[in-house]
Protein backbone atom coordinates (compact mmCIF):
# COMPACT_ATOMS: atom_id res chain seq x y z
CA UNK A 1 -38.46 37.69 -5.26
CA UNK A 2 -35.69 39.12 -3.52
CA UNK A 3 -32.74 40.66 -5.58
CA UNK A 4 -29.19 40.92 -4.31
CA UNK A 5 -26.91 43.31 -5.70
CA UNK A 6 -23.71 42.04 -7.14
CA UNK A 7 -21.69 44.50 -5.14
CA UNK A 8 -22.99 43.29 -1.74
CA UNK A 9 -21.87 39.85 -2.55
CA UNK A 10 -18.08 40.76 -2.76
CA UNK A 11 -18.37 43.85 -0.24
CA UNK A 12 -16.61 41.94 2.46
CA UNK A 13 -13.80 40.81 0.23
CA UNK A 14 -13.50 44.03 -1.20
CA UNK A 15 -13.42 45.71 2.13
CA UNK A 16 -10.80 43.41 3.68
CA UNK A 17 -8.76 44.01 0.50
CA UNK A 18 -9.05 47.61 1.13
CA UNK A 19 -7.81 47.30 4.69
CA UNK A 20 -4.78 44.97 3.84
CA UNK A 21 -3.70 47.26 1.12
CA UNK A 22 -3.71 50.48 3.34
CA UNK A 23 -2.14 48.88 6.00
CA UNK A 24 0.58 47.21 3.64
CA UNK A 25 1.06 50.74 2.02
CA UNK A 26 1.82 52.52 5.36
CA UNK A 27 3.22 50.32 7.53
CA UNK A 28 5.74 47.31 7.19
CA UNK A 29 3.90 43.86 7.41
CA UNK A 30 5.88 40.94 8.70
CA UNK A 31 6.37 38.23 6.07
CA UNK A 32 4.23 35.73 8.00
CA UNK A 33 1.55 38.37 8.88
CA UNK A 34 1.34 39.19 5.13
CA UNK A 35 0.96 35.61 4.13
CA UNK A 36 -1.84 35.16 6.75
CA UNK A 37 -3.71 38.07 5.62
CA UNK A 38 -3.27 37.32 1.98
CA UNK A 39 -4.51 33.65 2.71
CA UNK A 40 -7.71 35.02 4.38
CA UNK A 41 -8.20 37.57 1.34
CA UNK A 42 -8.05 34.46 -1.18
CA UNK A 43 -10.45 32.63 1.10
CA UNK A 44 -12.89 35.81 1.22
CA UNK A 45 -12.81 36.03 -2.64
CA UNK A 46 -13.11 32.46 -2.97
CA UNK A 47 -16.31 32.12 -0.65
CA UNK A 48 -17.95 35.01 -2.49
CA UNK A 49 -17.37 33.59 -5.88
CA UNK A 50 -17.99 29.92 -5.37
CA UNK A 51 -20.59 29.27 -2.66
CA UNK A 52 -23.76 29.10 -4.13
CA UNK A 53 -26.00 29.18 -1.14
CA UNK A 54 -26.45 33.06 -0.01
CA UNK A 55 -26.34 32.37 3.58
CA UNK A 56 -23.18 30.19 3.76
CA UNK A 57 -21.34 32.37 1.13
CA UNK A 58 -22.08 35.50 3.34
CA UNK A 59 -20.92 34.02 6.36
CA UNK A 60 -17.86 32.21 5.05
CA UNK A 61 -16.77 35.44 3.35
CA UNK A 62 -17.27 37.67 6.17
CA UNK A 63 -15.38 35.42 8.44
CA UNK A 64 -12.49 35.24 6.12
CA UNK A 65 -12.48 39.02 5.39
CA UNK A 66 -12.40 39.82 9.11
CA UNK A 67 -9.75 37.27 9.75
CA UNK A 68 -7.78 38.98 7.01
CA UNK A 69 -8.27 42.47 8.57
CA UNK A 70 -7.18 41.21 12.06
CA UNK A 71 -3.96 39.80 10.57
CA UNK A 72 -3.09 43.10 9.07
CA UNK A 73 -4.01 44.72 12.44
CA UNK A 74 -0.96 43.16 14.19
CA UNK A 75 1.17 46.49 13.32
CA UNK A 76 0.24 49.73 14.98
CA UNK A 77 -1.63 51.13 11.83
CA UNK A 78 -3.35 54.09 13.72
CA UNK A 79 -6.62 55.81 12.96
CA UNK A 80 -6.76 55.05 9.30
CA UNK A 81 -6.95 51.35 10.08
CA UNK A 82 -9.72 51.90 12.60
CA UNK A 83 -11.81 53.85 10.04
CA UNK A 84 -11.31 51.03 7.38
CA UNK A 85 -12.18 48.57 9.86
CA UNK A 86 -15.45 50.40 10.78
CA UNK A 87 -16.46 50.57 7.08
CA UNK A 88 -15.60 46.92 6.63
CA UNK A 89 -17.58 45.88 9.22
CA UNK A 90 -20.65 47.86 8.29
CA UNK A 91 -20.16 46.22 4.78
CA UNK A 92 -20.11 43.03 6.36
CA UNK A 93 -23.47 43.44 8.28
CA UNK A 94 -25.08 44.72 4.96
CA UNK A 95 -23.71 41.64 2.99
CA UNK A 96 -25.32 39.40 5.67
CA UNK A 97 -28.51 41.23 5.56
CA UNK A 98 -28.74 40.88 1.74
CA UNK A 99 -28.15 37.11 2.25
CA UNK A 100 -31.47 36.69 4.07
CA UNK A 101 -32.94 33.29 2.78
CA UNK A 102 -35.79 34.05 0.24
CA UNK A 103 -38.00 31.86 2.12
CA UNK A 104 -38.32 34.42 5.11
CA UNK A 105 -40.28 37.51 5.52
CA UNK A 106 -38.62 40.97 4.85
CA UNK A 107 -37.38 42.23 8.02
CA UNK A 108 -38.71 45.88 8.95
CA UNK A 109 -36.61 48.76 8.24
CA UNK A 110 -34.38 49.44 11.38
CA UNK A 111 -35.48 52.60 13.57
CA UNK A 112 -33.02 55.45 14.10
CA UNK A 113 -32.03 54.13 17.41
CA UNK A 114 -31.22 50.68 16.17
CA UNK A 115 -29.01 52.25 13.52
CA UNK A 116 -27.31 54.49 16.06
CA UNK A 117 -26.72 51.52 18.37
CA UNK A 118 -25.27 49.59 15.40
CA UNK A 119 -23.02 52.57 14.46
CA UNK A 120 -21.87 52.58 18.06
CA UNK A 121 -21.04 48.96 18.38
CA UNK A 122 -19.16 48.90 15.32
CA UNK A 123 -17.11 51.77 15.97
CA UNK A 124 -16.32 50.27 19.35
CA UNK A 125 -15.24 47.18 17.84
CA UNK A 126 -13.01 49.11 15.28
CA UNK A 127 -11.36 51.09 18.01
CA UNK A 128 -10.75 47.69 20.02
CA UNK A 129 -8.86 46.59 17.07
CA UNK A 130 -6.93 49.54 16.62
CA UNK A 131 -5.94 49.75 20.30
CA UNK A 132 -5.60 46.16 21.38
CA UNK A 133 -4.42 43.99 18.54
CA UNK A 134 -0.68 45.24 18.36
CA UNK A 135 -0.45 44.78 22.28
CA UNK A 136 -2.13 41.23 22.02
CA UNK A 137 0.26 40.36 19.31
CA UNK A 138 3.03 41.33 21.37
CA UNK A 139 1.95 39.27 24.37
CA UNK A 140 1.11 36.31 22.28
CA UNK A 141 4.71 36.58 20.60
CA UNK A 142 6.25 36.72 23.95
CA UNK A 143 4.16 33.80 25.44
CA UNK A 144 5.25 31.76 22.33
CA UNK A 145 8.84 32.75 22.78
CA UNK A 146 8.71 31.52 26.36
CA UNK A 147 6.94 28.29 25.10
CA UNK A 148 9.82 27.71 22.96
CA UNK A 149 12.56 28.40 25.39
CA UNK A 150 13.82 31.40 23.61
CA UNK A 151 14.57 34.47 25.88
CA UNK A 152 16.11 37.51 24.02
CA UNK A 153 17.83 38.74 26.99
CA UNK A 154 19.29 35.42 28.03
CA UNK A 155 22.95 34.67 26.64
CA UNK A 156 22.64 31.22 24.54
CA UNK A 157 25.19 28.78 23.59
CA UNK A 158 25.48 30.54 20.28
CA UNK A 159 27.20 33.79 21.15
CA UNK A 160 30.50 34.58 22.44
CA UNK A 161 29.27 33.88 26.06
CA UNK A 162 27.56 30.48 27.26
CA UNK A 163 25.92 30.45 30.71
CA UNK A 164 26.12 26.77 32.03
CA UNK A 165 22.39 25.73 31.89
CA UNK A 166 21.32 28.44 29.50
CA UNK A 167 20.24 25.95 26.82
CA UNK A 168 17.80 24.07 28.94
CA UNK A 169 14.83 25.68 27.37
CA UNK A 170 15.88 25.07 24.05
CA UNK A 171 16.29 21.29 24.78
CA UNK A 172 12.67 21.21 25.49
CA UNK A 173 11.49 22.77 22.35
CA UNK A 174 10.34 21.41 19.12
CA UNK A 175 11.10 24.55 17.16
CA UNK A 176 12.71 24.00 13.77
CA UNK A 177 15.99 25.88 13.42
CA UNK A 178 17.50 24.70 9.95
CA UNK A 179 16.95 21.97 7.30
CA UNK A 180 19.61 20.25 5.53
CA UNK A 181 19.66 18.71 1.98
CA UNK A 182 22.33 16.47 0.60
CA UNK A 183 24.89 14.59 2.49
CA UNK A 184 24.18 14.99 6.37
CA UNK A 185 26.72 15.99 8.77
CA UNK A 186 26.25 14.70 12.58
CA UNK A 187 27.58 17.87 14.27
CA UNK A 188 27.19 21.39 13.43
CA UNK A 189 29.40 23.91 15.12
CA UNK A 190 28.16 27.36 16.13
CA UNK A 191 30.46 28.55 18.72
CA UNK A 192 33.68 27.73 20.45
CA UNK A 193 34.66 28.75 23.86
CA UNK A 194 38.31 28.85 25.31
CA UNK A 195 38.14 30.28 28.72
CA UNK A 196 36.18 29.01 31.73
CA UNK A 197 35.10 31.92 34.24
CA UNK A 198 32.37 30.08 36.42
CA UNK A 199 29.55 29.78 35.68
CA UNK A 200 30.50 31.28 32.21
CA UNK A 201 32.46 29.87 29.16
CA UNK A 202 33.72 32.81 26.86
CA UNK A 203 35.15 33.13 23.50
CA UNK A 204 38.12 35.20 23.99
CA UNK A 205 39.25 37.92 21.80
CA UNK A 206 41.95 35.70 20.12
CA UNK A 207 39.00 33.44 18.88
CA UNK A 208 36.80 36.25 17.94
CA UNK A 209 38.94 37.73 15.46
CA UNK A 210 37.26 37.65 12.07
CA UNK A 211 38.59 37.29 8.38
CA UNK A 212 36.64 37.60 5.20
CA UNK A 213 36.42 34.36 3.01
CA UNK A 214 35.15 33.96 -0.38
CA UNK A 215 32.04 31.78 -0.49
CA UNK A 216 31.47 31.23 -4.26
CA UNK A 217 31.99 27.57 -4.47
CA UNK A 218 30.10 25.72 -7.41
CA UNK A 219 27.39 23.16 -6.38
CA UNK A 220 28.27 19.51 -6.67
CA UNK A 221 26.54 16.06 -6.27
CA UNK A 222 28.00 15.64 -3.01
CA UNK A 223 27.17 19.30 -1.82
CA UNK A 224 25.52 19.90 1.57
CA UNK A 225 22.79 22.81 1.77
CA UNK A 226 21.98 24.29 5.17
CA UNK A 227 19.00 26.52 5.34
CA UNK A 228 18.27 28.49 8.52
CA UNK A 229 14.67 28.64 9.46
CA UNK A 230 15.20 30.85 12.40
CA UNK A 231 18.76 31.21 12.59
CA UNK A 232 20.89 33.55 15.01
CA UNK A 233 19.43 36.88 15.92
CA UNK A 234 19.82 39.94 13.58
CA UNK A 235 23.08 41.71 14.81
CA UNK A 236 26.67 41.67 14.72
CA UNK A 237 26.82 38.17 15.78
CA UNK A 238 24.76 36.12 13.01
CA UNK A 239 26.13 32.65 12.62
CA UNK A 240 26.12 29.79 10.43
CA UNK A 241 26.14 26.21 11.76
CA UNK A 242 28.78 24.17 9.98
CA UNK A 243 30.38 20.72 10.38
CA UNK A 244 34.24 20.81 10.97
CA UNK A 245 36.41 20.83 8.07
CA UNK A 246 33.64 22.52 5.89
CA UNK A 247 34.98 23.73 2.56
CA UNK A 248 33.86 25.19 -0.79
CA UNK A 249 31.38 27.44 0.99
CA UNK A 250 28.74 29.38 -1.14
CA UNK A 251 26.14 31.91 -0.15
CA UNK A 252 24.08 34.46 -2.02
CA UNK A 253 26.26 37.38 -0.74
CA UNK A 254 29.61 35.65 -1.94
CA UNK A 255 31.25 35.96 1.38
CA UNK A 256 31.49 34.86 4.83
CA UNK A 257 33.51 35.58 7.86
CA UNK A 258 35.38 33.01 9.58
CA UNK A 259 36.84 33.52 13.31
CA UNK A 260 40.10 32.03 14.34
CA UNK A 261 38.23 28.99 15.68
CA UNK A 262 36.64 28.00 12.38
CA UNK A 263 33.16 29.25 13.28
CA UNK A 264 31.46 31.28 10.38
CA UNK A 265 29.47 34.44 10.59
CA UNK A 266 26.51 35.46 8.33
CA UNK A 267 26.39 38.77 6.41
CA UNK A 268 23.08 40.65 6.37
CA UNK A 269 22.77 40.26 2.54
CA UNK A 270 22.56 36.48 2.86
CA UNK A 271 18.88 36.05 1.75
CA UNK A 272 17.55 33.39 1.88
CA UNK A 273 19.62 32.32 4.74
CA UNK A 274 21.09 29.17 3.12
CA UNK A 275 24.86 27.97 2.60
CA UNK A 276 26.19 25.25 0.56
CA UNK A 277 29.49 23.31 1.58
CA UNK A 278 31.26 20.19 1.13
CA UNK A 279 33.43 18.11 3.59
CA UNK A 280 35.58 16.04 1.11
CA UNK A 281 37.08 16.57 -2.35
CA UNK A 282 37.40 20.38 -1.56
CA UNK A 283 38.49 22.56 -4.37
CA UNK A 284 39.76 24.96 -1.82
CA UNK A 285 41.14 23.80 1.70
CA UNK A 286 39.07 24.55 4.98
CA UNK A 287 39.78 27.71 6.80
CA UNK A 288 42.62 26.82 9.42
CA UNK A 289 41.80 26.99 13.01
CA UNK A 290 44.46 28.53 15.34
CA UNK A 291 46.82 25.92 17.32
CA UNK A 292 46.48 25.64 21.02
CA UNK A 293 48.05 28.26 23.26
CA UNK A 294 48.48 28.22 27.01
CA UNK A 295 45.04 29.56 27.64
CA UNK A 296 43.68 26.29 26.27
CA UNK A 297 45.21 24.67 29.50
CA UNK A 298 43.72 27.21 31.78
CA UNK A 299 41.67 25.97 34.77
CA UNK A 300 40.72 28.10 37.71
CA UNK A 301 42.55 27.14 40.65
CA UNK A 302 40.16 26.18 42.87
CA UNK A 303 38.51 23.89 40.28
CA UNK A 304 42.01 22.45 39.59
CA UNK A 305 42.34 21.40 43.13
CA UNK A 306 39.14 19.67 43.09
CA UNK A 307 39.29 17.98 39.48
CA UNK A 308 42.87 17.25 38.96
CA UNK A 309 43.14 14.42 41.61
CA UNK A 310 40.11 12.76 40.07
CA UNK A 311 41.20 13.15 36.32
CA UNK A 312 44.45 11.76 37.62
CA UNK A 313 42.98 8.57 38.98
CA UNK A 314 40.80 7.95 35.98
CA UNK A 315 43.72 8.23 33.59
CA UNK A 316 46.39 6.52 35.82
CA UNK A 317 46.87 3.75 33.29
CA UNK A 318 46.81 5.96 30.08
CA UNK A 319 50.09 6.88 28.50
CA UNK A 320 48.86 9.22 25.47
CA UNK A 321 46.59 11.97 25.24
CA UNK A 322 44.48 9.95 23.15
CA UNK A 323 44.10 7.29 25.87
CA UNK A 324 43.46 9.81 28.50
CA UNK A 325 40.49 11.26 26.69
CA UNK A 326 39.33 8.05 26.08
CA UNK A 327 39.48 7.35 29.77
CA UNK A 328 37.82 10.45 30.84
CA UNK A 329 35.04 10.03 28.38
CA UNK A 330 34.47 6.42 29.57
CA UNK A 331 34.09 7.48 32.95
CA UNK A 332 31.82 10.34 32.41
CA UNK A 333 29.56 7.88 30.46
CA UNK A 334 28.90 6.28 33.84
CA UNK A 335 26.89 9.60 34.93
CA UNK A 336 23.30 10.25 34.48
CA UNK A 337 21.83 12.65 31.95
CA UNK A 338 19.18 15.00 33.44
CA UNK A 339 17.95 18.60 32.45
CA UNK A 340 16.84 19.34 36.06
CA UNK A 341 19.40 18.75 38.83
CA UNK A 342 19.89 21.11 41.78
CA UNK A 343 23.54 22.33 42.27
CA UNK A 344 25.30 22.94 45.65
CA UNK A 345 25.17 26.52 46.65
CA UNK A 346 28.71 27.98 46.86
CA UNK A 347 30.13 25.13 44.68
CA UNK A 348 31.34 25.49 41.10
CA UNK A 349 28.83 23.68 38.89
CA UNK A 350 31.27 21.53 37.39
CA UNK A 351 32.94 20.34 40.49
CA UNK A 352 29.40 19.81 41.97
CA UNK A 353 28.51 17.85 38.78
CA UNK A 354 31.57 15.61 39.04
CA UNK A 355 31.70 15.07 42.79
CA UNK A 356 28.23 15.31 44.20
CA UNK A 357 25.20 15.01 41.89
CA UNK A 358 26.86 13.02 38.96
CA UNK A 359 23.85 14.34 36.82
CA UNK A 360 23.61 16.96 34.15
CA UNK A 361 23.10 17.73 30.45
CA UNK A 362 25.52 18.01 27.72
CA UNK A 363 27.08 21.30 28.84
CA UNK A 364 28.01 19.88 31.96
CA UNK A 365 29.63 16.72 30.51
CA UNK A 366 31.64 18.81 27.98
CA UNK A 367 32.77 21.20 30.60
CA UNK A 368 33.92 18.53 32.80
CA UNK A 369 35.73 16.71 29.94
CA UNK A 370 37.63 20.01 28.94
CA UNK A 371 38.58 20.96 32.46
CA UNK A 372 39.76 17.51 33.43
CA UNK A 373 41.73 17.10 30.14
CA UNK A 374 43.46 20.49 30.76
CA UNK A 375 44.42 19.34 34.20
CA UNK A 376 46.33 16.33 32.32
CA UNK A 377 48.07 18.83 30.06
CA UNK A 378 45.78 18.28 26.91
CA UNK A 379 44.75 21.30 25.26
CA UNK A 380 40.68 21.24 24.92
CA UNK A 381 37.88 23.68 24.47
CA UNK A 382 34.08 23.56 24.47
CA UNK A 383 32.06 23.62 21.29
CA UNK A 384 28.42 24.59 20.99
CA UNK A 385 26.01 23.67 17.97
CA UNK A 386 23.60 21.00 17.12
CA UNK A 387 23.76 17.40 16.73
CA UNK A 388 21.72 16.33 13.32
CA UNK A 389 19.70 13.03 14.17
CA UNK A 390 16.30 13.56 12.52
CA UNK A 391 15.41 12.97 8.79
CA UNK A 392 11.92 13.71 7.54
CA UNK A 393 11.00 10.67 5.15
CA UNK A 394 8.41 12.93 3.57
CA UNK A 395 10.82 15.44 2.19
CA UNK A 396 14.20 13.74 2.49
CA UNK A 397 15.79 16.57 4.33
CA UNK A 398 17.49 16.60 7.85
CA UNK A 399 15.53 18.72 10.21
CA UNK A 400 17.29 20.43 13.20
CA UNK A 401 15.20 21.59 16.12
CA UNK A 402 15.83 23.58 19.32
CA UNK A 403 16.15 20.32 21.28
CA UNK A 404 19.01 19.20 18.99
CA UNK A 405 21.08 21.79 20.61
CA UNK A 406 24.35 20.15 22.01
CA UNK A 407 27.81 20.77 23.65
CA UNK A 408 30.98 18.88 22.82
CA UNK A 409 34.66 18.85 23.06
CA UNK A 410 37.54 19.52 20.85
CA UNK A 411 41.04 18.54 21.98
CA UNK A 412 44.35 18.76 20.38
CA UNK A 413 45.41 15.21 19.68
CA UNK A 414 48.25 14.19 17.06
CA UNK A 415 48.54 17.79 15.79
CA UNK A 416 45.28 18.67 15.01
CA UNK A 417 41.69 19.60 16.81
CA UNK A 418 39.61 16.39 17.07
CA UNK A 419 36.01 16.08 18.42
CA UNK A 420 34.95 14.10 21.44
CA UNK A 421 31.45 13.60 22.83
CA UNK A 422 31.28 12.64 26.40
CA UNK A 423 27.44 12.92 26.93
CA UNK A 424 26.06 9.18 27.27
CA UNK A 425 24.10 7.65 24.52
CA UNK A 426 21.14 7.45 27.00
CA UNK A 427 20.50 10.99 26.45
CA UNK A 428 18.99 10.10 23.10
CA UNK A 429 19.01 13.72 22.18
CA UNK A 430 15.20 14.49 22.73
CA UNK A 431 12.29 12.56 21.95
CA UNK A 432 12.10 10.83 18.48
CA UNK A 433 10.19 12.58 15.73
CA UNK A 434 6.90 11.03 14.91
CA UNK A 435 4.36 11.10 11.74
CA UNK A 436 2.80 14.31 13.20
CA UNK A 437 6.26 16.09 13.36
CA UNK A 438 6.83 15.14 9.76
CA UNK A 439 3.75 16.32 8.54
CA UNK A 440 4.23 19.48 10.43
CA UNK A 441 7.69 19.84 8.95
CA UNK A 442 6.17 19.56 5.52
CA UNK A 443 3.54 22.09 6.19
CA UNK A 444 5.86 24.50 7.50
CA UNK A 445 8.20 24.20 4.64
CA UNK A 446 5.35 24.96 2.15
CA UNK A 447 4.27 27.96 4.09
CA UNK A 448 7.68 29.20 4.37
CA UNK A 449 8.17 28.82 0.55
CA UNK A 450 4.88 30.55 0.10
CA UNK A 451 5.96 33.57 2.34
CA UNK A 452 9.33 33.92 0.60
CA UNK A 453 7.42 33.91 -2.83
CA UNK A 454 4.96 36.70 -1.53
CA UNK A 455 7.67 38.71 0.12
CA UNK A 456 9.77 38.45 -3.14
CA UNK A 457 6.72 39.61 -5.07
CA UNK A 458 6.08 43.15 -2.94
CA UNK A 459 2.96 44.85 -2.44
CA UNK A 460 1.98 45.42 -6.22
CA UNK A 461 3.17 42.00 -7.28
CA UNK A 462 0.95 40.34 -4.46
CA UNK A 463 -1.98 42.42 -5.51
CA UNK A 464 -1.60 41.30 -8.99
CA UNK A 465 -1.45 37.67 -7.93
CA UNK A 466 -4.61 38.30 -5.80
CA UNK A 467 -6.45 39.79 -8.74
CA UNK A 468 -5.31 36.71 -10.91
CA UNK A 469 -6.55 34.36 -8.16
CA UNK A 470 -9.92 36.17 -8.13
CA UNK A 471 -10.32 36.09 -11.85
CA UNK A 472 -9.57 32.43 -11.84
CA UNK A 473 -12.27 31.69 -9.19
CA UNK A 474 -14.81 33.70 -11.20
CA UNK A 475 -13.88 31.73 -14.28
CA UNK A 476 -14.44 28.64 -12.37
CA UNK A 477 -17.72 29.52 -11.25
CA UNK A 478 -18.72 30.67 -14.75
CA UNK A 479 -17.54 27.45 -16.33
CA UNK A 480 -19.27 25.60 -13.58
CA UNK A 481 -22.59 27.21 -14.48
CA UNK A 482 -22.11 26.34 -18.05
CA UNK A 483 -21.65 22.90 -17.39
CA UNK A 484 -24.65 22.91 -15.13
CA UNK A 485 -26.71 24.52 -17.88
CA UNK A 486 -25.66 21.96 -20.51
CA UNK A 487 -26.79 18.92 -18.06
CA UNK A 488 -30.12 20.56 -17.14
CA UNK A 489 -32.84 18.63 -18.87
CA UNK A 490 -34.39 20.45 -21.96
CA UNK A 491 -37.85 20.97 -20.44
CA UNK A 492 -36.39 22.54 -17.29
CA UNK A 493 -36.01 26.28 -18.30
CA UNK A 494 -35.72 27.59 -14.73
CA UNK A 495 -32.34 28.02 -13.11
CA UNK A 496 -32.17 25.62 -10.08
CA UNK A 497 -31.06 28.11 -7.82
CA UNK A 498 -34.04 30.60 -8.16
CA UNK A 499 -37.11 29.60 -6.14
CA UNK A 500 -40.52 29.42 -7.83
CA UNK A 501 -42.67 32.84 -7.23
CA UNK A 502 -45.34 30.34 -5.57
CA UNK A 503 -42.94 29.13 -3.13
CA UNK A 504 -42.36 32.68 -1.72
CA UNK A 505 -46.15 33.12 -1.63
CA UNK A 506 -46.43 30.04 0.65
CA UNK A 507 -43.49 30.91 2.68
CA UNK A 508 -45.22 34.35 3.29
CA UNK A 509 -48.45 32.68 4.10
CA UNK A 510 -46.62 30.31 6.69
CA UNK A 511 -44.85 33.37 8.25
CA UNK A 512 -47.91 35.27 8.59
CA UNK A 513 -49.48 32.02 10.41
CA UNK A 514 -46.52 32.29 12.77
CA UNK A 515 -44.18 29.47 11.19
CA UNK A 516 -41.57 31.20 9.44
CA UNK A 517 -38.68 29.18 7.82
CA UNK A 518 -35.20 29.68 9.59
CA UNK A 519 -32.51 31.54 7.74
CA UNK A 520 -30.56 28.58 7.09
CA UNK A 521 -33.15 25.83 7.74
CA UNK A 522 -33.25 23.17 4.75
CA UNK A 523 -36.69 22.85 3.08
CA UNK A 524 -37.00 19.25 4.28
CA UNK A 525 -36.38 19.95 7.99
CA UNK A 526 -38.80 22.78 7.47
CA UNK A 527 -41.48 20.46 6.16
CA UNK A 528 -40.83 17.97 8.93
CA UNK A 529 -41.54 20.70 11.50
CA UNK A 530 -44.69 21.73 9.76
CA UNK A 531 -45.96 18.10 9.76
CA UNK A 532 -46.19 18.15 13.53
CA UNK A 533 -48.17 21.55 13.74
CA UNK A 534 -51.69 21.02 14.85
CA UNK A 535 -53.52 22.68 11.98
CA UNK A 536 -55.84 21.47 9.06
CA UNK A 537 -53.42 22.85 6.67
CA UNK A 538 -50.28 21.30 8.17
CA UNK A 539 -50.12 18.19 6.24
CA UNK A 540 -50.89 19.81 2.99
CA UNK A 541 -48.09 22.27 3.47
CA UNK A 542 -45.61 19.77 4.57
CA UNK A 543 -46.19 17.60 1.54
CA UNK A 544 -46.31 20.62 -0.96
CA UNK A 545 -42.76 21.49 0.44
CA UNK A 546 -41.40 18.05 -0.10
CA UNK A 547 -42.58 18.00 -3.64
CA UNK A 548 -41.00 21.46 -4.28
CA UNK A 549 -37.70 20.37 -2.74
CA UNK A 550 -37.44 17.11 -4.81
CA UNK A 551 -38.36 19.24 -8.06
CA UNK A 552 -35.82 22.08 -7.15
CA UNK A 553 -32.89 20.00 -6.09
CA UNK A 554 -33.52 16.60 -7.73
CA UNK A 555 -35.45 17.72 -10.96
CA UNK A 556 -38.32 15.12 -10.10
CA UNK A 557 -41.75 16.04 -11.42
CA UNK A 558 -43.15 18.94 -13.58
CA UNK A 559 -43.15 22.62 -12.71
CA UNK A 560 -46.68 23.17 -13.41
CA UNK A 561 -47.73 20.23 -11.06
CA UNK A 562 -45.40 21.55 -8.31
CA UNK A 563 -46.83 25.23 -8.63
CA UNK A 564 -50.41 23.81 -8.31
CA UNK A 565 -49.48 21.89 -5.24
CA UNK A 566 -47.63 24.99 -3.61
CA UNK A 567 -50.69 27.31 -4.51
CA UNK A 568 -53.27 25.17 -3.02
CA UNK A 569 -51.03 24.66 0.15
CA UNK A 570 -50.75 28.73 0.47
CA UNK A 571 -54.53 29.12 -0.01
CA UNK A 572 -55.26 26.75 2.68
CA UNK A 573 -52.97 28.45 5.17
CA UNK A 574 -54.35 31.83 4.23
CA UNK A 575 -58.02 30.93 4.61
CA UNK A 576 -57.40 29.02 8.14
CA UNK A 577 -55.56 32.42 9.49
CA UNK A 578 -57.73 34.53 11.76
């Protein structure tokens, strides 16, 4: 009977643990990469501890171990990583060899040339992992960023500069940006632009001036909690996205910075990136926004000459600022929403939108309304942020995605800045979320919590958790064995997963006759294959194997009778051999 050392059984899991531990100790692993590597390690240990069939156990643990090592190789770990991967691959090969089915003949000892070839192949694979994985990871990340419409070199609507059309890629992406618990605001402000310099909207220095505000407000039943998933890039312009009039702010660092337009900036110490706020019953008033200045009426002269007559016609019957804004918004509502509209070369994009194509996305609608309002003496500015429209029924949280990016208008009416949204309702703000979107959000939320927990634990804490998981899996296997032993019939003293010695004799005899059992071939399938063989012993061997299978896996029949049947079949095979 073939014996399998216990060490070889756990070699893939042990080797992968060593690789991940080595990389984690020498290079900073990202939170997501670490979570994937640890999940694969748990799978490798679980497969080695729980699966009973040797071939299945070996394959599952090897695949999970290699996946864990591959995940850890996303960083440039150098030659130590390559050497560790080489040892891991050799250990995986040894584990696979040790898991050979007991019904097959033992393989001959490999020759020196075979061993040398194996060493060269495994070393080449390890070298490929070292050299190729970091580059491959960077290329995949770049491709994913392109798919999500996120380009680090492109100015977005959430910095001090917005290029007209820059959010087009975001509006086609389903990537989750933030989640919201509690009362759901409809609009979340992330930037305010007060100067138009075609084709840019800019936040001037007066609006960029920051002042620190305490953010230690107490949580209450009516509190809204905004948690960023991707958030703004790291740097000096990290932003929160808050509704107008947000008050009683609370973050982990205890402070936020508010600019003159009421837009909040994040601090590096805000971890996790979550902020609580209220919009009513405020204990402290919201941060005030600057009143308008002549800059809020500024329109480039060429643009004014084109838009002022049109705006004057649209508002001819209006007498107040509110009525004029309503008239402009009503007329813009007759335009069409589109993400892909060609613009006339040499013509200001907003003028082209109003006078020629009359199609565009939210940035064009907001820009047109602001500039036309300014020509009528109404201070106005463009606001960039998100519109909240999706609620996940599985979690009860509102979900904000890239495609919810939006631009609207704030105009000075009746002594305060008030919001206006001229984009037509037919836009529908992206496709509606379906059941798969909600399920994906639930899975992503669970994964983010696991990643956050593992990141908080650190390397030693994670290793302790992994050891605990392995101990639990081993305990489950031991308990399962005890339960099976109690359920075994009193007369059956042989463990069900150990073959009878006579079975190996029959297997050897059949292999000698040229009919070896496949490595993972079920006994019943092997018996059916033998029944079709044109030989005097074929029927007896097939029936003996079926009797053996029913006894081993179903407890049918007595062991002595099964052994006699197997012995007779083995003698018949050997006697017929040349």
